[in-house]
C-alpha atoms as a PDB file:
ATOM      1  CA  MET A   1      52.344 -69.942  11.924  1.00  0.00           C
ATOM      2  CA  SER A   2      49.301 -69.080   9.796  1.00  0.00           C
ATOM      3  CA  VAL A   3      50.102 -71.231   6.723  1.00  0.00           C
ATOM      4  CA  ILE A   4      50.972 -74.946   6.470  1.00  0.00           C
ATOM      5  CA  TYR A   5      52.185 -77.117   3.584  1.00  0.00           C
ATOM      6  CA  ILE A   6      51.068 -80.768   3.723  1.00  0.00           C
ATOM      7  CA  GLY A   7      50.020 -83.771   1.648  1.00  0.00           C
ATOM      8  CA  ASP A   8      50.226 -87.528   1.316  1.00  0.00           C
ATOM      9  CA  ARG A   9      53.647 -89.086   1.064  1.00  0.00           C
ATOM     10  CA  TYR A  10      55.145 -89.574  -2.411  1.00  0.00           C
ATOM     11  CA  THR A  11      53.161 -86.732  -3.941  1.00  0.00           C
ATOM     12  CA  GLY A  12      56.227 -84.613  -4.700  1.00  0.00           C
ATOM     13  CA  LYS A  13      55.932 -82.122  -1.813  1.00  0.00           C
ATOM     14  CA  THR A  14      59.660 -82.127  -1.159  1.00  0.00           C
ATOM     15  CA  SER A  15      60.553 -81.714  -4.835  1.00  0.00           C
ATOM     16  CA  LEU A  16      58.157 -78.769  -5.159  1.00  0.00           C
ATOM     17  CA  ALA A  17      59.549 -77.072  -2.060  1.00  0.00           C
ATOM     18  CA  LEU A  18      63.132 -77.621  -3.190  1.00  0.00           C
ATOM     19  CA  GLU A  19      62.405 -76.213  -6.639  1.00  0.00           C
ATOM     20  CA  LEU A  20      60.700 -73.200  -5.068  1.00  0.00           C
ATOM     21  CA  VAL A  21      64.041 -72.397  -3.413  1.00  0.00           C
ATOM     22  CA  ASN A  22      65.823 -72.532  -6.782  1.00  0.00           C
ATOM     23  CA  PRO A  23      67.341 -69.080  -7.505  1.00  0.00           C
ATOM     24  CA  ASN A  24      66.098 -69.341 -11.122  1.00  0.00           C
ATOM     25  CA  ARG A  25      62.833 -67.796 -10.019  1.00  0.00           C
ATOM     26  CA  LYS A  26      60.249 -65.361 -11.352  1.00  0.00           C
ATOM     27  CA  LEU A  27      57.907 -63.781  -8.775  1.00  0.00           C
ATOM     28  CA  VAL A  28      58.407 -66.055  -5.755  1.00  0.00           C
ATOM     29  CA  ARG A  29      61.538 -66.631  -3.712  1.00  0.00           C
ATOM     30  CA  VAL A  30      62.401 -68.384  -0.456  1.00  0.00           C
ATOM     31  CA  THR A  31      64.588 -66.155   1.694  1.00  0.00           C
ATOM     32  CA  ASN A  32      65.648 -68.471   4.529  1.00  0.00           C
ATOM     33  CA  HIS A  33      67.199 -71.367   2.575  1.00  0.00           C
ATOM     34  CA  ASN A  34      70.185 -71.805   0.299  1.00  0.00           C
ATOM     35  CA  TYR A  35      69.299 -73.962  -2.686  1.00  0.00           C
ATOM     36  CA  GLU A  36      72.560 -75.916  -2.902  1.00  0.00           C
ATOM     37  CA  THR A  37      72.636 -76.603   0.835  1.00  0.00           C
ATOM     38  CA  LEU A  38      69.021 -77.724   0.900  1.00  0.00           C
ATOM     39  CA  ARG A  39      69.553 -79.880  -2.165  1.00  0.00           C
ATOM     40  CA  ARG A  40      72.507 -81.660  -0.528  1.00  0.00           C
ATOM     41  CA  ASN A  41      70.303 -82.419   2.466  1.00  0.00           C
ATOM     42  CA  LEU A  42      67.363 -83.730   0.436  1.00  0.00           C
ATOM     43  CA  VAL A  43      68.793 -85.352  -2.706  1.00  0.00           C
ATOM     44  CA  SER A  44      70.759 -88.592  -2.807  1.00  0.00           C
ATOM     45  CA  ALA A  45      74.251 -88.121  -4.240  1.00  0.00           C
ATOM     46  CA  ILE A  46      74.017 -91.662  -5.639  1.00  0.00           C
ATOM     47  CA  THR A  47      70.618 -91.669  -7.345  1.00  0.00           C
ATOM     48  CA  ASP A  48      70.131 -87.891  -7.741  1.00  0.00           C
ATOM     49  CA  GLU A  49      66.582 -88.387  -6.435  1.00  0.00           C
ATOM     50  CA  ILE A  50      64.780 -86.992  -3.402  1.00  0.00           C
ATOM     51  CA  MET A  51      65.536 -89.210  -0.417  1.00  0.00           C
ATOM     52  CA  PRO A  52      62.569 -90.755   1.428  1.00  0.00           C
ATOM     53  CA  THR A  53      61.569 -88.989   4.607  1.00  0.00           C
ATOM     54  CA  ASN A  54      63.147 -90.409   7.752  1.00  0.00           C
ATOM     55  CA  ALA A  55      59.917 -89.832   9.655  1.00  0.00           C
ATOM     56  CA  VAL A  56      58.234 -93.149  10.370  1.00  0.00           C
ATOM     57  CA  TYR A  57      56.640 -92.602  13.745  1.00  0.00           C
ATOM     58  CA  ALA A  58      56.833 -88.812  13.831  1.00  0.00           C
ATOM     59  CA  PHE A  59      56.718 -85.908  11.454  1.00  0.00           C
ATOM     60  CA  ASP A  60      59.383 -83.435  10.437  1.00  0.00           C
ATOM     61  CA  GLU A  61      58.930 -79.689  10.395  1.00  0.00           C
ATOM     62  CA  GLU A  62      60.650 -77.070   8.299  1.00  0.00           C
ATOM     63  CA  TYR A  63      59.950 -73.395   7.793  1.00  0.00           C
ATOM     64  CA  LEU A  64      59.788 -71.535   4.523  1.00  0.00           C
ATOM     65  CA  GLU A  65      59.976 -67.768   4.494  1.00  0.00           C
ATOM     66  CA  VAL A  66      58.455 -66.903   1.135  1.00  0.00           C
ATOM     67  CA  GLU A  67      58.530 -63.528  -0.581  1.00  0.00           C
ATOM     68  CA  VAL A  68      56.045 -62.904  -3.406  1.00  0.00           C
ATOM     69  CA  LEU A  69      55.990 -60.008  -5.858  1.00  0.00           C
ATOM     70  CA  LEU A  70      52.393 -58.871  -6.431  1.00  0.00           C
ATOM     71  CA  ARG A  71      50.920 -55.884  -8.236  1.00  0.00           C
ATOM     72  CA  SER A  72      50.656 -54.231  -4.815  1.00  0.00           C
ATOM     73  CA  GLY A  73      54.308 -54.871  -3.981  1.00  0.00           C
ATOM     74  CA  ARG A  74      56.357 -57.514  -2.174  1.00  0.00           C
ATOM     75  CA  LYS A  75      54.536 -59.651   0.391  1.00  0.00           C
ATOM     76  CA  GLN A  76      55.805 -62.161   2.942  1.00  0.00           C
ATOM     77  CA  LEU A  77      54.449 -65.624   3.779  1.00  0.00           C
ATOM     78  CA  ALA A  78      55.693 -67.682   6.726  1.00  0.00           C
ATOM     79  CA  VAL A  79      54.948 -71.332   5.980  1.00  0.00           C
ATOM     80  CA  ARG A  80      55.282 -74.419   8.164  1.00  0.00           C
ATOM     81  CA  TRP A  81      56.152 -77.439   6.040  1.00  0.00           C
ATOM     82  CA  LEU A  82      54.932 -80.664   7.672  1.00  0.00           C
ATOM     83  CA  ASP A  83      56.259 -83.953   6.323  1.00  0.00           C
ATOM     84  CA  THR A  84      54.051 -86.692   7.719  1.00  0.00           C
ATOM     85  CA  PRO A  85      54.498 -90.476   7.724  1.00  0.00           C
ATOM     86  CA  GLY A  86      51.906 -92.620   5.984  1.00  0.00           C
ATOM     87  CA  GLU A  87      50.920 -94.116   9.344  1.00  0.00           C
ATOM     88  CA  ILE A  88      49.645 -90.770  10.616  1.00  0.00           C
ATOM     89  CA  TRP A  89      46.105 -91.463   9.346  1.00  0.00           C
ATOM     90  CA  LYS A  90      45.778 -94.876  10.954  1.00  0.00           C
ATOM     91  CA  PRO A  91      43.749 -94.944  14.212  1.00  0.00           C
ATOM     92  CA  SER A  92      46.351 -97.363  15.569  1.00  0.00           C
ATOM     93  CA  TRP A  93      48.985 -94.639  15.111  1.00  0.00           C
ATOM     94  CA  GLN A  94      46.887 -91.803  16.516  1.00  0.00           C
ATOM     95  CA  VAL A  95      46.109 -93.722  19.710  1.00  0.00           C
ATOM     96  CA  THR A  96      48.717 -95.753  21.609  1.00  0.00           C
ATOM     97  CA  PRO A  97      48.029 -99.373  22.675  1.00  0.00           C
ATOM     98  CA  ASN A  98      47.121 -98.184  26.187  1.00  0.00           C
ATOM     99  CA  GLY A  99      44.432 -95.869  24.812  1.00  0.00           C
ATOM    100  CA  MET A 100      46.403 -92.619  25.102  1.00  0.00           C
ATOM    101  CA  ILE A 101      46.554 -90.048  22.296  1.00  0.00           C
ATOM    102  CA  ASN A 102      49.855 -90.290  20.472  1.00  0.00           C
ATOM    103  CA  PRO A 103      51.723 -87.096  21.426  1.00  0.00           C
ATOM    104  CA  GLU A 104      52.989 -86.804  17.835  1.00  0.00           C
ATOM    105  CA  TRP A 105      49.387 -86.802  16.582  1.00  0.00           C
ATOM    106  CA  SER A 106      48.533 -84.079  19.102  1.00  0.00           C
ATOM    107  CA  ARG A 107      51.557 -82.076  17.990  1.00  0.00           C
ATOM    108  CA  PHE A 108      50.504 -82.402  14.366  1.00  0.00           C
ATOM    109  CA  LEU A 109      46.945 -81.252  15.145  1.00  0.00           C
ATOM    110  CA  ASP A 110      48.268 -78.289  17.130  1.00  0.00           C
ATOM    111  CA  SER A 111      50.214 -77.261  14.046  1.00  0.00           C
ATOM    112  CA  VAL A 112      47.162 -77.254  11.792  1.00  0.00           C
ATOM    113  CA  ARG A 113      44.335 -76.033  13.996  1.00  0.00           C
ATOM    114  CA  ASP A 114      45.501 -72.442  14.090  1.00  0.00           C
ATOM    115  CA  SER A 115      46.372 -72.290  10.387  1.00  0.00           C
ATOM    116  CA  GLU A 116      44.466 -69.864   8.163  1.00  0.00           C
ATOM    117  CA  GLY A 117      46.039 -71.155   4.958  1.00  0.00           C
ATOM    118  CA  ILE A 118      46.711 -74.738   3.851  1.00  0.00           C
ATOM    119  CA  PHE A 119      48.663 -75.996   0.846  1.00  0.00           C
ATOM    120  CA  LEU A 120      47.594 -79.563   0.050  1.00  0.00           C
ATOM    121  CA  VAL A 121      49.676 -81.448  -2.535  1.00  0.00           C
ATOM    122  CA  LEU A 122      48.048 -84.354  -4.394  1.00  0.00           C
ATOM    123  CA  ALA A 123      49.547 -86.849  -6.812  1.00  0.00           C
ATOM    124  CA  PRO A 124      47.667 -87.555 -10.062  1.00  0.00           C
ATOM    125  CA  TYR A 125      45.649 -90.737 -10.339  1.00  0.00           C
ATOM    126  CA  ARG A 126      46.832 -93.564 -12.565  1.00  0.00           C
ATOM    127  CA  GLU A 127      44.185 -93.204 -15.259  1.00  0.00           C
ATOM    128  CA  ARG A 128      45.135 -89.551 -15.776  1.00  0.00           C
ATOM    129  CA  ILE A 129      48.657 -90.593 -16.890  1.00  0.00           C
ATOM    130  CA  PRO A 130      49.333 -92.233 -20.301  1.00  0.00           C
ATOM    131  CA  ALA A 131      49.161 -96.005 -19.753  1.00  0.00           C
ATOM    132  CA  ASN A 132      52.572 -96.610 -21.353  1.00  0.00           C
ATOM    133  CA  HIS A 133      54.332 -94.112 -19.088  1.00  0.00           C
ATOM    134  CA  PRO A 134      56.751 -95.868 -16.683  1.00  0.00           C
ATOM    135  CA  GLU A 135      55.414 -93.773 -13.772  1.00  0.00           C
ATOM    136  CA  ALA A 136      51.748 -94.692 -14.278  1.00  0.00           C
ATOM    137  CA  LYS A 137      51.575 -97.827 -12.125  1.00  0.00           C
ATOM    138  CA  LYS A 138      53.316 -96.064  -9.238  1.00  0.00           C
ATOM    139  CA  HIS A 139      50.253 -93.872  -8.744  1.00  0.00           C
ATOM    140  CA  PRO A 140      46.897 -94.705  -7.112  1.00  0.00           C
ATOM    141  CA  THR A 141      43.928 -95.783  -9.161  1.00  0.00           C
ATOM    142  CA  LEU A 142      41.083 -93.331  -9.562  1.00  0.00           C
ATOM    143  CA  GLN A 143      39.036 -94.961  -6.795  1.00  0.00           C
ATOM    144  CA  GLN A 144      42.015 -95.048  -4.412  1.00  0.00           C
ATOM    145  CA  TRP A 145      42.687 -91.402  -5.235  1.00  0.00           C
ATOM    146  CA  ILE A 146      39.072 -90.421  -4.516  1.00  0.00           C
ATOM    147  CA  ASN A 147      39.159 -92.356  -1.236  1.00  0.00           C
ATOM    148  CA  ARG A 148      42.313 -90.535  -0.178  1.00  0.00           C
ATOM    149  CA  PHE A 149      40.764 -87.188  -0.991  1.00  0.00           C
ATOM    150  CA  ASP A 150      37.666 -88.087   1.036  1.00  0.00           C
ATOM    151  CA  ARG A 151      40.007 -88.476   3.996  1.00  0.00           C
ATOM    152  CA  TRP A 152      41.331 -84.968   3.440  1.00  0.00           C
ATOM    153  CA  VAL A 153      37.788 -83.594   3.285  1.00  0.00           C
ATOM    154  CA  GLU A 154      37.128 -85.122   6.703  1.00  0.00           C
ATOM    155  CA  PHE A 155      40.384 -83.659   7.971  1.00  0.00           C
ATOM    156  CA  PHE A 156      39.469 -80.161   6.795  1.00  0.00           C
ATOM    157  CA  ARG A 157      36.003 -80.488   8.304  1.00  0.00           C
ATOM    158  CA  ASN A 158      37.097 -81.765  11.709  1.00  0.00           C
ATOM    159  CA  ASP A 159      40.596 -80.459  12.343  1.00  0.00           C
ATOM    160  CA  CYS A 160      41.049 -77.151  10.507  1.00  0.00           C
ATOM    161  CA  PRO A 161      38.556 -74.788  12.180  1.00  0.00           C
ATOM    162  CA  ASN A 162      40.454 -71.602  11.339  1.00  0.00           C
ATOM    163  CA  ALA A 163      41.300 -72.346   7.702  1.00  0.00           C
ATOM    164  CA  LYS A 164      40.194 -69.609   5.317  1.00  0.00           C
ATOM    165  CA  HIS A 165      42.121 -70.532   2.180  1.00  0.00           C
ATOM    166  CA  ILE A 166      42.902 -74.074   1.064  1.00  0.00           C
ATOM    167  CA  VAL A 167      45.117 -74.467  -1.982  1.00  0.00           C
ATOM    168  CA  ILE A 168      44.798 -77.888  -3.650  1.00  0.00           C
ATOM    169  CA  CYS A 169      47.753 -78.633  -5.918  1.00  0.00           C
ATOM    170  CA  LEU A 170      47.446 -81.530  -8.356  1.00  0.00           C
ATOM    171  CA  ASN A 171      51.154 -82.128  -8.749  1.00  0.00           C
ATOM    172  CA  LYS A 172      53.305 -83.702 -11.465  1.00  0.00           C
ATOM    173  CA  ALA A 173      51.432 -81.918 -14.252  1.00  0.00           C
ATOM    174  CA  ASP A 174      54.265 -82.917 -16.605  1.00  0.00           C
ATOM    175  CA  LEU A 175      52.858 -86.476 -16.429  1.00  0.00           C
ATOM    176  CA  PHE A 176      49.293 -85.642 -17.466  1.00  0.00           C
ATOM    177  CA  CYS A 177      49.236 -82.256 -19.201  1.00  0.00           C
ATOM    178  CA  GLN A 178      49.612 -82.662 -22.960  1.00  0.00           C
ATOM    179  CA  ASN A 179      50.949 -79.161 -23.587  1.00  0.00           C
ATOM    180  CA  LEU A 180      52.488 -77.941 -20.368  1.00  0.00           C
ATOM    181  CA  LYS A 181      53.833 -74.675 -21.773  1.00  0.00           C
ATOM    182  CA  ALA A 182      50.516 -73.676 -23.339  1.00  0.00           C
ATOM    183  CA  GLU A 183      48.540 -74.517 -20.190  1.00  0.00           C
ATOM    184  CA  ALA A 184      50.979 -72.540 -18.086  1.00  0.00           C
ATOM    185  CA  GLY A 185      50.460 -69.617 -20.432  1.00  0.00           C
ATOM    186  CA  ASN A 186      46.686 -69.871 -19.912  1.00  0.00           C
ATOM    187  CA  LEU A 187      47.046 -69.826 -16.127  1.00  0.00           C
ATOM    188  CA  ALA A 188      50.101 -67.642 -15.440  1.00  0.00           C
ATOM    189  CA  TYR A 189      50.038 -64.502 -13.300  1.00  0.00           C
ATOM    190  CA  SER A 190      51.758 -61.250 -14.218  1.00  0.00           C
ATOM    191  CA  PRO A 191      52.042 -58.217 -11.937  1.00  0.00           C
ATOM    192  CA  ASN A 192      52.282 -55.980 -15.011  1.00  0.00           C
ATOM    193  CA  SER A 193      49.320 -57.067 -17.133  1.00  0.00           C
ATOM    194  CA  PHE A 194      45.782 -58.355 -16.915  1.00  0.00           C
ATOM    195  CA  THR A 195      45.517 -62.117 -16.453  1.00  0.00           C
ATOM    196  CA  PRO A 196      42.636 -64.486 -15.652  1.00  0.00           C
ATOM    197  CA  THR A 197      40.931 -64.086 -12.299  1.00  0.00           C
ATOM    198  CA  TRP A 198      41.553 -66.693  -9.598  1.00  0.00           C
ATOM    199  CA  GLN A 199      38.025 -67.966 -10.099  1.00  0.00           C
ATOM    200  CA  GLU A 200      38.627 -68.391 -13.844  1.00  0.00           C
ATOM    201  CA  ARG A 201      41.847 -70.300 -13.197  1.00  0.00           C
ATOM    202  CA  ASP A 202      40.113 -72.484 -10.617  1.00  0.00           C
ATOM    203  CA  ALA A 203      37.264 -73.295 -13.015  1.00  0.00           C
ATOM    204  CA  LEU A 204      39.701 -74.278 -15.774  1.00  0.00           C
ATOM    205  CA  VAL A 205      41.707 -76.576 -13.499  1.00  0.00           C
ATOM    206  CA  CYS A 206      38.684 -78.150 -11.817  1.00  0.00           C
ATOM    207  CA  ASN A 207      36.757 -78.814 -15.007  1.00  0.00           C
ATOM    208  CA  THR A 208      39.788 -80.139 -16.861  1.00  0.00           C
ATOM    209  CA  TYR A 209      41.706 -82.105 -14.241  1.00  0.00           C
ATOM    210  CA  LEU A 210      39.648 -82.562 -11.068  1.00  0.00           C
ATOM    211  CA  ARG A 211      36.163 -83.511 -12.236  1.00  0.00           C
ATOM    212  CA  PRO A 212      36.052 -86.760 -10.194  1.00  0.00           C
ATOM    213  CA  ILE A 213      36.200 -84.768  -6.935  1.00  0.00           C
ATOM    214  CA  LEU A 214      34.178 -81.661  -7.833  1.00  0.00           C
ATOM    215  CA  HIS A 215      31.496 -82.655  -5.323  1.00  0.00           C
ATOM    216  CA  GLN A 216      34.048 -82.996  -2.509  1.00  0.00           C
ATOM    217  CA  ILE A 217      35.644 -79.647  -3.360  1.00  0.00           C
ATOM    218  CA  ALA A 218      32.218 -78.008  -3.226  1.00  0.00           C
ATOM    219  CA  GLU A 219      31.705 -79.696   0.145  1.00  0.00           C
ATOM    220  CA  ILE A 220      34.912 -78.120   1.463  1.00  0.00           C
ATOM    221  CA  ASN A 221      33.740 -74.682   0.352  1.00  0.00           C
ATOM    222  CA  SER A 222      30.312 -75.090   1.922  1.00  0.00           C
ATOM    223  CA  ASN A 223      31.511 -76.531   5.208  1.00  0.00           C
ATOM    224  CA  THR A 224      32.828 -73.326   6.782  1.00  0.00           C
ATOM    225  CA  SER A 225      31.619 -69.780   6.206  1.00  0.00           C
ATOM    226  CA  GLY A 226      34.247 -67.748   4.385  1.00  0.00           C
ATOM    227  CA  LEU A 227      36.363 -70.778   3.440  1.00  0.00           C
ATOM    228  CA  ALA A 228      37.710 -70.929  -0.123  1.00  0.00           C
ATOM    229  CA  ALA A 229      39.353 -73.938  -1.746  1.00  0.00           C
ATOM    230  CA  MET A 230      41.283 -73.001  -4.879  1.00  0.00           C
ATOM    231  CA  CYS A 231      42.739 -75.615  -7.247  1.00  0.00           C
ATOM    232  CA  PHE A 232      45.968 -75.555  -9.258  1.00  0.00           C
ATOM    233  CA  ILE A 233      48.182 -77.882 -11.266  1.00  0.00           C
ATOM    234  CA  THR A 234      51.850 -77.840 -10.310  1.00  0.00           C
ATOM    235  CA  THR A 235      55.119 -79.304 -11.490  1.00  0.00           C
ATOM    236  CA  THR A 236      58.840 -78.789 -11.014  1.00  0.00           C
ATOM    237  CA  HIS A 237      59.120 -78.518 -14.811  1.00  0.00           C
ATOM    238  CA  ASN A 238      57.378 -75.153 -15.162  1.00  0.00           C
ATOM    239  CA  ARG A 239      58.089 -72.170 -12.923  1.00  0.00           C
ATOM    240  CA  ASP A 240      54.826 -70.342 -13.704  1.00  0.00           C
ATOM    241  CA  LEU A 241      52.748 -73.285 -12.517  1.00  0.00           C
ATOM    242  CA  LEU A 242      55.038 -73.891  -9.547  1.00  0.00           C
ATOM    243  CA  GLU A 243      54.688 -70.306  -8.299  1.00  0.00           C
ATOM    244  CA  LEU A 244      50.996 -69.749  -8.993  1.00  0.00           C
ATOM    245  CA  PRO A 245      49.489 -71.214  -5.764  1.00  0.00           C
ATOM    246  CA  TRP A 246      51.984 -69.258  -3.681  1.00  0.00           C
ATOM    247  CA  ILE A 247      51.016 -66.061  -5.482  1.00  0.00           C
ATOM    248  CA  TYR A 248      47.360 -66.791  -4.764  1.00  0.00           C
ATOM    249  CA  MET A 249      47.970 -67.402  -1.066  1.00  0.00           C
ATOM    250  CA  ALA A 250      50.062 -64.249  -0.784  1.00  0.00           C
ATOM    251  CA  HIS A 251      47.141 -62.216  -2.149  1.00  0.00           C
ATOM    252  CA  TYR A 252      45.095 -63.121   0.906  1.00  0.00           C
ATOM    253  CA  LEU A 253      47.353 -64.054   3.804  1.00  0.00           C
ATOM    254  CA  ALA A 254      50.726 -62.410   3.255  1.00  0.00           C
ATOM    255  CA  LYS A 255      52.145 -59.657   5.409  1.00  0.00           C
ATOM    256  CA  ASN A 256      53.825 -56.548   4.061  1.00  0.00           C
END
């Protein structure tokens, strides 16, 4: 598989993937999943919320076959969706008590080392969300958020030698974007008209929403020749923003 979809737990990866499968789409559709079936498997019938991953000492894999409509026609992306437990980053998880490499850690690394494209989903930091919002305290502080991103920078540097395109998605934009519809209009892609370039979109997102980690993003871009990290805001509440990173990746890595 040339593309993977990863991120910390509780960032909304599952919700984004489920919403991508929703048949109420625009330019992106998932061809190998039925929305209602997938929703029954992922959403609690009692709470109507995404159920926590069952993976505690392992990670789950799922495949997304994604079709994207570009100006040049329909393109296909085959994506491996890796749902990792929080323990995966702890040295005590990566190495067993007898000093052996955890086979699940090796399996995870095998999945990412050959990947040319990476979707990384981030949650917003607490200070980015209005203080009176009930979700605010559930999110990391700015310093915790920066520390977590530093870990991802190390991961990209050490364990993703073949990555050419990294898509960084600051998720849950509905929590921190004051005018979601207007911002989506500024960033949206259309196959039938001129829209901002990817670089212009990236600059808007980085300068508006990701300033605390601009240095680390630049470090990712400078670490490997030909590597590009492109930043987006995403949410399940706006289809244009949800689809945009997939459209970008299809421009570069999709097959006809």
